[in-house]
Structure formats: structure tokens, C-alpha cells
Amino acid sequence: MLKTQLHARIQVLRSDNGREFLNHDLNKFLQDHGIIHQRSCPYTPQQNGVTETKNRHLLEVVCASLFGAIMPRSFWGETVVYAAYVINRIPSSILNFQTPLQTLHHHIQTPPTPNLEPQIFGCVIFVHLQDHQRSKLDARAKKCVFNGYAPHQKG
């Protein structure tokens, strides 16, 4: 049985008619695992309303973060990770003023996730240099620009 990182069973995969979803290998894989593949009609993003709304929200946070930090577009990937991290930790009225992360923890047991102090995307930060990275007369920290959270590290 195929399970996600949160040990939930995938029952339905809904996609558009993108070529990456229209191939024999994927169809066989889905069929072998009992997953139903639903496809929306071409050029009808409204059929994926919740997904399109969340994608728009994510894109708006990404654009605002990039513009606000005066960062180049080449940092869009890091900005998406940052935006998702922040969005998942902001209380929502739709979720009775809980965060998406808290709501997820109520429904399924999830592995512990680091909850780092929020930073403003593009702000100046100082990264501590370990002793082996500097000499006695070098600075103890390096001036950097904050460009998001590492997905697999605590800091």
C-alpha cells in the first residue's frame, strides 16, 4: 500500500491534463495502488477551486516577499518554501483561528517539526561562524540575507 510521509493513504489524484500526468507508466502505477485519477477539463482551473485558490495565495505571498525584499526572481524557489512555512504557521479564521499545522496535528499524528522564530524574508541576518571557520582576528559572524527556512534542518 502506498502511503504519504504522514501515513495517510492516497485515494484520489486530481490533475489537469498536463502531459506529465498522461502516460502509461503513471496510469499503471495508480491502478496498481488503487488510486483513482480524476482529470479536470482543459482550460478550466475553476474545477480545481481549492487548489487554485491556495496556489494563488502562495504566489501572492511569494511576489510580495520578493518585491518587499528587492530580491531577484531567481530566488523564487526559496521564496515558495518560505511562504509555505509562514502560511502554515499563521492562524486562520476558516480553521477557528488555529494554524494549518495545528489542525493537521489534530487529525493525524505527524513527526515533530521545528518551529523557528519568524524572520522577514530578505532581512539582514548574521550567521555565526564556528571556530574552525575563522581565525582569532576574523569576525565571529558573517552578514547574510535571510532567504527562507531549510526544510530538513532545525536552524
N, C-alpha and C. Protein backbone atom coordinates (compact mmCIF):
# COMPACT_ATOMS: atom_id res chain seq x y z
N MET A 1 0.84 -1.17 0.00
CA MET A 1 0.00 0.00 0.00
C MET A 1 0.90 1.25 0.00
N LEU A 2 0.55 2.20 -0.80
CA LEU A 2 1.29 3.47 -0.90
C LEU A 2 0.79 4.42 0.16
N LYS A 3 1.73 5.02 0.91
CA LYS A 3 1.36 5.99 1.94
C LYS A 3 2.22 7.22 1.80
N THR A 4 1.74 8.31 2.36
CA THR A 4 2.48 9.56 2.32
C THR A 4 3.40 9.63 3.53
N GLN A 5 4.18 10.70 3.61
CA GLN A 5 5.06 10.88 4.76
C GLN A 5 4.28 11.00 6.06
N LEU A 6 2.99 11.31 5.98
CA LEU A 6 2.14 11.42 7.17
C LEU A 6 1.30 10.17 7.37
N HIS A 7 1.65 9.09 6.67
CA HIS A 7 1.00 7.78 6.80
C HIS A 7 -0.48 7.80 6.41
N ALA A 8 -0.84 8.68 5.50
CA ALA A 8 -2.21 8.72 5.01
C ALA A 8 -2.26 8.00 3.66
N ARG A 9 -3.35 7.31 3.39
CA ARG A 9 -3.50 6.59 2.13
C ARG A 9 -4.00 7.54 1.06
N ILE A 10 -3.37 7.54 -0.09
CA ILE A 10 -3.83 8.36 -1.22
C ILE A 10 -4.96 7.61 -1.91
N GLN A 11 -6.12 8.26 -2.02
CA GLN A 11 -7.29 7.62 -2.62
C GLN A 11 -7.56 8.15 -4.02
N VAL A 12 -7.36 9.47 -4.20
CA VAL A 12 -7.66 10.11 -5.48
C VAL A 12 -6.55 11.08 -5.82
N LEU A 13 -6.13 11.06 -7.08
CA LEU A 13 -5.20 12.06 -7.60
C LEU A 13 -5.97 12.88 -8.61
N ARG A 14 -6.09 14.17 -8.36
CA ARG A 14 -6.79 15.05 -9.28
C ARG A 14 -5.74 15.93 -9.95
N SER A 15 -5.79 15.99 -11.26
CA SER A 15 -4.80 16.78 -12.00
C SER A 15 -5.48 17.45 -13.19
N ASP A 16 -4.71 18.36 -13.79
CA ASP A 16 -5.17 18.91 -15.05
C ASP A 16 -4.75 17.92 -16.15
N ASN A 17 -4.85 18.31 -17.38
CA ASN A 17 -4.49 17.41 -18.48
C ASN A 17 -3.05 17.62 -18.94
N GLY A 18 -2.19 18.01 -17.99
CA GLY A 18 -0.78 18.19 -18.32
C GLY A 18 -0.17 16.89 -18.81
N ARG A 19 0.72 16.99 -19.76
CA ARG A 19 1.33 15.80 -20.36
C ARG A 19 2.05 14.93 -19.33
N GLU A 20 2.54 15.55 -18.25
CA GLU A 20 3.24 14.77 -17.24
C GLU A 20 2.31 13.79 -16.53
N PHE A 21 0.99 14.03 -16.61
CA PHE A 21 0.02 13.15 -15.97
C PHE A 21 -0.63 12.18 -16.95
N LEU A 22 -0.33 12.31 -18.21
CA LEU A 22 -0.97 11.47 -19.23
C LEU A 22 0.05 10.50 -19.83
N ASN A 23 0.39 9.46 -19.08
CA ASN A 23 1.29 8.45 -19.63
C ASN A 23 0.97 7.09 -19.04
N HIS A 24 1.37 6.07 -19.75
CA HIS A 24 1.04 4.70 -19.39
C HIS A 24 1.63 4.30 -18.03
N ASP A 25 2.88 4.71 -17.76
CA ASP A 25 3.54 4.31 -16.52
C ASP A 25 2.80 4.87 -15.30
N LEU A 26 2.41 6.13 -15.36
CA LEU A 26 1.68 6.71 -14.23
C LEU A 26 0.33 6.03 -14.06
N ASN A 27 -0.39 5.83 -15.16
CA ASN A 27 -1.70 5.17 -15.08
C ASN A 27 -1.58 3.77 -14.48
N LYS A 28 -0.57 3.03 -14.87
CA LYS A 28 -0.36 1.68 -14.32
C LYS A 28 -0.03 1.75 -12.83
N PHE A 29 0.83 2.68 -12.46
CA PHE A 29 1.19 2.86 -11.05
C PHE A 29 -0.05 3.17 -10.21
N LEU A 30 -0.86 4.11 -10.67
CA LEU A 30 -2.07 4.48 -9.93
C LEU A 30 -3.04 3.30 -9.83
N GLN A 31 -3.19 2.59 -10.93
CA GLN A 31 -4.09 1.44 -10.95
C GLN A 31 -3.59 0.35 -10.00
N ASP A 32 -2.29 0.08 -10.00
CA ASP A 32 -1.71 -0.95 -9.13
C ASP A 32 -1.90 -0.62 -7.65
N HIS A 33 -1.98 0.68 -7.33
CA HIS A 33 -2.13 1.09 -5.94
C HIS A 33 -3.56 1.49 -5.58
N GLY A 34 -4.50 1.25 -6.48
CA GLY A 34 -5.91 1.52 -6.20
C GLY A 34 -6.23 3.00 -6.08
N ILE A 35 -5.49 3.83 -6.80
CA ILE A 35 -5.71 5.27 -6.75
C ILE A 35 -6.50 5.71 -7.97
N ILE A 36 -7.57 6.44 -7.74
CA ILE A 36 -8.40 6.95 -8.82
C ILE A 36 -7.77 8.22 -9.37
N HIS A 37 -7.65 8.31 -10.69
CA HIS A 37 -7.09 9.51 -11.31
C HIS A 37 -8.21 10.30 -11.96
N GLN A 38 -8.50 11.47 -11.39
CA GLN A 38 -9.50 12.36 -11.96
C GLN A 38 -8.78 13.49 -12.67
N ARG A 39 -9.27 13.83 -13.87
CA ARG A 39 -8.67 14.93 -14.63
C ARG A 39 -9.72 16.00 -14.88
N SER A 40 -9.31 17.24 -14.71
CA SER A 40 -10.22 18.35 -14.99
C SER A 40 -10.28 18.58 -16.50
N CYS A 41 -11.32 19.28 -16.93
CA CYS A 41 -11.45 19.62 -18.34
C CYS A 41 -10.37 20.63 -18.72
N PRO A 42 -9.90 20.60 -19.97
CA PRO A 42 -8.87 21.55 -20.39
C PRO A 42 -9.31 23.00 -20.19
N TYR A 43 -8.39 23.82 -19.73
CA TYR A 43 -8.57 25.27 -19.56
C TYR A 43 -9.72 25.62 -18.61
N THR A 44 -9.89 24.82 -17.56
CA THR A 44 -10.92 25.10 -16.56
C THR A 44 -10.32 25.01 -15.16
N PRO A 45 -9.48 25.99 -14.79
CA PRO A 45 -8.88 25.94 -13.45
C PRO A 45 -9.93 26.03 -12.34
N GLN A 46 -11.11 26.56 -12.64
CA GLN A 46 -12.15 26.66 -11.64
C GLN A 46 -12.60 25.28 -11.15
N GLN A 47 -12.34 24.22 -11.92
CA GLN A 47 -12.69 22.88 -11.46
C GLN A 47 -11.78 22.41 -10.32
N ASN A 48 -10.66 23.05 -10.16
CA ASN A 48 -9.74 22.75 -9.06
C ASN A 48 -9.74 23.95 -8.10
N GLY A 49 -10.92 24.40 -7.70
CA GLY A 49 -11.07 25.64 -6.96
C GLY A 49 -10.19 25.78 -5.73
N VAL A 50 -10.20 24.79 -4.83
CA VAL A 50 -9.43 24.89 -3.59
C VAL A 50 -7.94 24.96 -3.92
N THR A 51 -7.49 24.11 -4.83
CA THR A 51 -6.08 24.09 -5.21
C THR A 51 -5.67 25.40 -5.86
N GLU A 52 -6.49 25.89 -6.78
CA GLU A 52 -6.15 27.14 -7.46
C GLU A 52 -6.13 28.31 -6.48
N THR A 53 -7.04 28.31 -5.52
CA THR A 53 -7.07 29.38 -4.52
C THR A 53 -5.80 29.34 -3.66
N LYS A 54 -5.41 28.14 -3.24
CA LYS A 54 -4.20 28.01 -2.42
C LYS A 54 -2.97 28.38 -3.24
N ASN A 55 -2.91 27.97 -4.51
CA ASN A 55 -1.79 28.34 -5.37
C ASN A 55 -1.70 29.85 -5.53
N ARG A 56 -2.86 30.51 -5.69
CA ARG A 56 -2.88 31.96 -5.83
C ARG A 56 -2.39 32.63 -4.54
N HIS A 57 -2.85 32.13 -3.39
CA HIS A 57 -2.41 32.66 -2.10
C HIS A 57 -0.89 32.53 -1.96
N LEU A 58 -0.37 31.35 -2.28
CA LEU A 58 1.07 31.10 -2.21
C LEU A 58 1.83 32.04 -3.14
N LEU A 59 1.35 32.20 -4.36
CA LEU A 59 2.01 33.08 -5.33
C LEU A 59 1.98 34.53 -4.87
N GLU A 60 0.88 34.97 -4.27
CA GLU A 60 0.79 36.35 -3.77
C GLU A 60 1.80 36.60 -2.66
N VAL A 61 1.97 35.62 -1.76
CA VAL A 61 2.95 35.77 -0.68
C VAL A 61 4.36 35.76 -1.27
N VAL A 62 4.60 34.91 -2.26
CA VAL A 62 5.91 34.85 -2.92
C VAL A 62 6.23 36.20 -3.57
N CYS A 63 5.30 36.73 -4.35
CA CYS A 63 5.53 38.01 -5.03
C CYS A 63 5.76 39.13 -4.03
N ALA A 64 4.92 39.21 -3.00
CA ALA A 64 5.07 40.27 -2.00
C ALA A 64 6.43 40.15 -1.29
N SER A 65 6.85 38.93 -1.01
CA SER A 65 8.13 38.72 -0.33
C SER A 65 9.30 39.12 -1.22
N LEU A 66 9.26 38.70 -2.48
CA LEU A 66 10.34 39.05 -3.41
C LEU A 66 10.41 40.55 -3.64
N PHE A 67 9.25 41.17 -3.89
CA PHE A 67 9.22 42.62 -4.15
C PHE A 67 9.64 43.40 -2.90
N GLY A 68 9.12 42.99 -1.74
CA GLY A 68 9.43 43.69 -0.50
C GLY A 68 10.90 43.61 -0.13
N ALA A 69 11.53 42.49 -0.46
CA ALA A 69 12.95 42.31 -0.12
C ALA A 69 13.87 42.80 -1.24
N ILE A 70 13.28 43.22 -2.35
CA ILE A 70 14.04 43.63 -3.54
C ILE A 70 15.04 42.53 -3.90
N MET A 71 14.52 41.31 -3.99
CA MET A 71 15.33 40.14 -4.33
C MET A 71 15.03 39.76 -5.78
N PRO A 72 16.00 39.21 -6.48
CA PRO A 72 15.77 38.80 -7.87
C PRO A 72 14.83 37.60 -7.97
N ARG A 73 14.21 37.45 -9.12
CA ARG A 73 13.28 36.34 -9.36
C ARG A 73 13.95 34.98 -9.22
N SER A 74 15.25 34.93 -9.37
CA SER A 74 15.96 33.66 -9.29
C SER A 74 15.81 33.01 -7.91
N PHE A 75 15.36 33.75 -6.92
CA PHE A 75 15.13 33.21 -5.58
C PHE A 75 13.69 32.73 -5.39
N TRP A 76 12.96 32.52 -6.48
CA TRP A 76 11.55 32.15 -6.35
C TRP A 76 11.37 30.82 -5.62
N GLY A 77 12.26 29.85 -5.84
CA GLY A 77 12.13 28.55 -5.18
C GLY A 77 12.25 28.66 -3.66
N GLU A 78 13.26 29.37 -3.20
CA GLU A 78 13.44 29.59 -1.77
C GLU A 78 12.26 30.36 -1.19
N THR A 79 11.73 31.28 -1.99
CA THR A 79 10.61 32.09 -1.52
C THR A 79 9.34 31.26 -1.37
N VAL A 80 9.12 30.30 -2.25
CA VAL A 80 7.95 29.41 -2.12
C VAL A 80 8.04 28.61 -0.82
N VAL A 81 9.22 28.07 -0.54
CA VAL A 81 9.41 27.31 0.70
C VAL A 81 9.15 28.21 1.91
N TYR A 82 9.68 29.43 1.87
CA TYR A 82 9.46 30.40 2.95
C TYR A 82 7.97 30.69 3.10
N ALA A 83 7.30 30.97 1.99
CA ALA A 83 5.87 31.32 2.04
C ALA A 83 5.04 30.18 2.63
N ALA A 84 5.32 28.95 2.21
CA ALA A 84 4.58 27.80 2.74
C ALA A 84 4.83 27.64 4.24
N TYR A 85 6.07 27.84 4.66
CA TYR A 85 6.41 27.75 6.09
C TYR A 85 5.61 28.78 6.89
N VAL A 86 5.58 30.00 6.41
CA VAL A 86 4.87 31.08 7.13
C VAL A 86 3.36 30.85 7.11
N ILE A 87 2.80 30.53 5.95
CA ILE A 87 1.35 30.31 5.83
C ILE A 87 0.89 29.20 6.77
N ASN A 88 1.69 28.13 6.88
CA ASN A 88 1.30 27.01 7.74
C ASN A 88 1.39 27.32 9.22
N ARG A 89 1.92 28.49 9.56
CA ARG A 89 2.05 28.87 10.96
C ARG A 89 1.25 30.13 11.32
N ILE A 90 0.38 30.57 10.42
CA ILE A 90 -0.46 31.74 10.66
C ILE A 90 -1.88 31.27 10.95
N PRO A 91 -2.47 31.70 12.07
CA PRO A 91 -3.85 31.29 12.39
C PRO A 91 -4.82 31.77 11.29
N SER A 92 -5.84 30.94 11.05
CA SER A 92 -6.82 31.24 10.01
C SER A 92 -8.23 31.20 10.60
N SER A 93 -9.05 32.16 10.22
CA SER A 93 -10.44 32.18 10.70
C SER A 93 -11.20 30.95 10.20
N ILE A 94 -10.86 30.45 9.03
CA ILE A 94 -11.52 29.25 8.49
C ILE A 94 -11.25 28.04 9.38
N LEU A 95 -10.10 28.04 10.05
CA LEU A 95 -9.72 26.92 10.92
C LEU A 95 -9.92 27.25 12.40
N ASN A 96 -10.92 28.09 12.69
CA ASN A 96 -11.21 28.51 14.07
C ASN A 96 -9.98 29.12 14.74
N PHE A 97 -9.29 29.95 14.00
CA PHE A 97 -8.12 30.69 14.46
C PHE A 97 -6.99 29.78 14.95
N GLN A 98 -6.90 28.61 14.34
CA GLN A 98 -5.75 27.74 14.54
C GLN A 98 -4.88 27.81 13.30
N THR A 99 -3.67 27.35 13.42
CA THR A 99 -2.79 27.31 12.25
C THR A 99 -3.06 26.03 11.48
N PRO A 100 -2.76 26.00 10.18
CA PRO A 100 -2.90 24.74 9.43
C PRO A 100 -2.09 23.61 10.07
N LEU A 101 -0.93 23.93 10.61
CA LEU A 101 -0.09 22.92 11.25
C LEU A 101 -0.77 22.33 12.48
N GLN A 102 -1.41 23.18 13.30
CA GLN A 102 -2.14 22.70 14.48
C GLN A 102 -3.31 21.81 14.06
N THR A 103 -4.03 22.23 13.03
CA THR A 103 -5.18 21.46 12.56
C THR A 103 -4.75 20.09 12.06
N LEU A 104 -3.64 20.05 11.35
CA LEU A 104 -3.12 18.77 10.84
C LEU A 104 -2.77 17.85 12.00
N HIS A 105 -2.15 18.40 13.06
CA HIS A 105 -1.78 17.59 14.23
C HIS A 105 -3.00 17.00 14.93
N HIS A 106 -4.16 17.67 14.84
CA HIS A 106 -5.38 17.16 15.47
C HIS A 106 -5.94 15.95 14.72
N HIS A 107 -5.68 15.87 13.42
CA HIS A 107 -6.28 14.80 12.60
C HIS A 107 -5.39 13.57 12.46
N ILE A 108 -4.11 13.78 12.37
CA ILE A 108 -3.18 12.66 12.24
C ILE A 108 -1.93 12.94 13.05
N GLN A 109 -1.26 11.87 13.42
CA GLN A 109 -0.01 12.03 14.16
C GLN A 109 1.09 12.36 13.16
N THR A 110 1.74 13.48 13.36
CA THR A 110 2.79 13.91 12.45
C THR A 110 4.12 13.96 13.17
N PRO A 111 5.20 13.82 12.43
CA PRO A 111 6.51 13.94 13.08
C PRO A 111 6.72 15.36 13.59
N PRO A 112 7.51 15.53 14.63
CA PRO A 112 7.74 16.89 15.14
C PRO A 112 8.41 17.76 14.09
N THR A 113 7.94 18.98 13.98
CA THR A 113 8.52 19.91 13.02
C THR A 113 9.11 21.09 13.77
N PRO A 114 10.27 21.57 13.32
CA PRO A 114 10.84 22.73 14.00
C PRO A 114 9.96 23.95 13.84
N ASN A 115 9.82 24.70 14.89
CA ASN A 115 9.02 25.92 14.85
C ASN A 115 9.98 27.07 15.16
N LEU A 116 10.66 27.55 14.13
CA LEU A 116 11.69 28.56 14.31
C LEU A 116 11.09 29.94 14.42
N GLU A 117 11.83 30.82 15.06
CA GLU A 117 11.38 32.20 15.22
C GLU A 117 11.18 32.83 13.85
N PRO A 118 10.04 33.48 13.60
CA PRO A 118 9.79 34.05 12.27
C PRO A 118 10.78 35.16 11.93
N GLN A 119 11.18 35.18 10.69
CA GLN A 119 12.07 36.21 10.16
C GLN A 119 11.40 36.85 8.95
N ILE A 120 11.78 38.07 8.66
CA ILE A 120 11.26 38.76 7.48
C ILE A 120 12.13 38.36 6.29
N PHE A 121 11.49 37.91 5.22
CA PHE A 121 12.22 37.49 4.03
C PHE A 121 13.04 38.66 3.49
N GLY A 122 14.32 38.42 3.26
CA GLY A 122 15.20 39.44 2.71
C GLY A 122 15.87 40.33 3.74
N CYS A 123 15.60 40.08 5.05
CA CYS A 123 16.21 40.91 6.07
C CYS A 123 17.68 40.52 6.25
N VAL A 124 18.44 41.41 6.85
CA VAL A 124 19.85 41.14 7.13
C VAL A 124 19.92 40.25 8.38
N ILE A 125 20.71 39.20 8.28
CA ILE A 125 20.94 38.32 9.44
C ILE A 125 22.44 38.10 9.57
N PHE A 126 22.84 37.69 10.73
CA PHE A 126 24.25 37.38 10.96
C PHE A 126 24.36 35.91 11.32
N VAL A 127 25.16 35.19 10.55
CA VAL A 127 25.34 33.76 10.74
C VAL A 127 26.63 33.54 11.51
N HIS A 128 26.54 32.83 12.63
CA HIS A 128 27.71 32.56 13.47
C HIS A 128 28.69 31.65 12.73
N LEU A 129 29.94 32.02 12.75
CA LEU A 129 31.00 31.20 12.16
C LEU A 129 31.64 30.37 13.26
N GLN A 130 31.72 29.07 13.05
CA GLN A 130 32.36 28.18 14.01
C GLN A 130 33.85 28.50 14.11
N ASP A 131 34.46 28.07 15.19
CA ASP A 131 35.88 28.35 15.41
C ASP A 131 36.75 27.89 14.24
N HIS A 132 36.45 26.72 13.69
CA HIS A 132 37.28 26.19 12.60
C HIS A 132 37.07 26.95 11.27
N GLN A 133 36.10 27.83 11.23
CA GLN A 133 35.83 28.60 10.01
C GLN A 133 36.47 29.98 10.03
N ARG A 134 37.17 30.30 11.11
CA ARG A 134 37.74 31.65 11.21
C ARG A 134 39.02 31.61 12.04
N SER A 135 39.78 32.69 11.94
CA SER A 135 40.97 32.82 12.78
C SER A 135 40.63 33.75 13.95
N LYS A 136 41.59 33.95 14.85
CA LYS A 136 41.36 34.78 16.04
C LYS A 136 40.93 36.20 15.69
N LEU A 137 41.45 36.72 14.59
CA LEU A 137 41.20 38.12 14.25
C LEU A 137 40.03 38.32 13.27
N ASP A 138 39.40 37.24 12.86
CA ASP A 138 38.26 37.35 11.94
C ASP A 138 36.98 37.63 12.72
N ALA A 139 36.00 38.14 12.02
CA ALA A 139 34.68 38.37 12.62
C ALA A 139 34.08 37.02 13.05
N ARG A 140 33.27 37.04 14.08
CA ARG A 140 32.64 35.81 14.58
C ARG A 140 31.34 35.49 13.86
N ALA A 141 30.89 36.40 13.01
CA ALA A 141 29.65 36.19 12.26
C ALA A 141 29.81 36.77 10.86
N LYS A 142 29.01 36.25 9.95
CA LYS A 142 29.02 36.71 8.56
C LYS A 142 27.68 37.36 8.26
N LYS A 143 27.71 38.53 7.65
CA LYS A 143 26.48 39.23 7.29
C LYS A 143 25.87 38.55 6.07
N CYS A 144 24.58 38.20 6.17
CA CYS A 144 23.89 37.49 5.09
C CYS A 144 22.49 38.08 4.90
N VAL A 145 21.78 37.55 3.93
CA VAL A 145 20.39 37.92 3.68
C VAL A 145 19.53 36.68 3.93
N PHE A 146 18.48 36.84 4.73
CA PHE A 146 17.59 35.70 5.03
C PHE A 146 16.74 35.39 3.80
N ASN A 147 16.84 34.14 3.32
CA ASN A 147 16.06 33.76 2.15
C ASN A 147 15.24 32.49 2.38
N GLY A 148 14.89 32.22 3.63
CA GLY A 148 13.97 31.13 3.91
C GLY A 148 14.51 30.11 4.88
N TYR A 149 13.68 29.10 5.12
CA TYR A 149 13.96 28.06 6.08
C TYR A 149 14.39 26.78 5.37
N ALA A 150 15.40 26.10 5.90
CA ALA A 150 15.83 24.83 5.32
C ALA A 150 14.80 23.77 5.70
N PRO A 151 14.32 22.99 4.73
CA PRO A 151 13.25 22.04 5.03
C PRO A 151 13.66 20.88 5.93
N HIS A 152 14.96 20.57 6.02
CA HIS A 152 15.38 19.39 6.78
C HIS A 152 16.38 19.74 7.87
N GLN A 153 16.35 20.98 8.37
CA GLN A 153 17.24 21.38 9.45
C GLN A 153 16.47 22.18 10.49
N LYS A 154 16.99 22.19 11.72
CA LYS A 154 16.35 22.93 12.79
C LYS A 154 16.69 24.41 12.75
N GLY A 155 17.72 24.80 12.05
CA GLY A 155 18.11 26.20 12.06
C GLY A 155 18.67 26.63 10.73
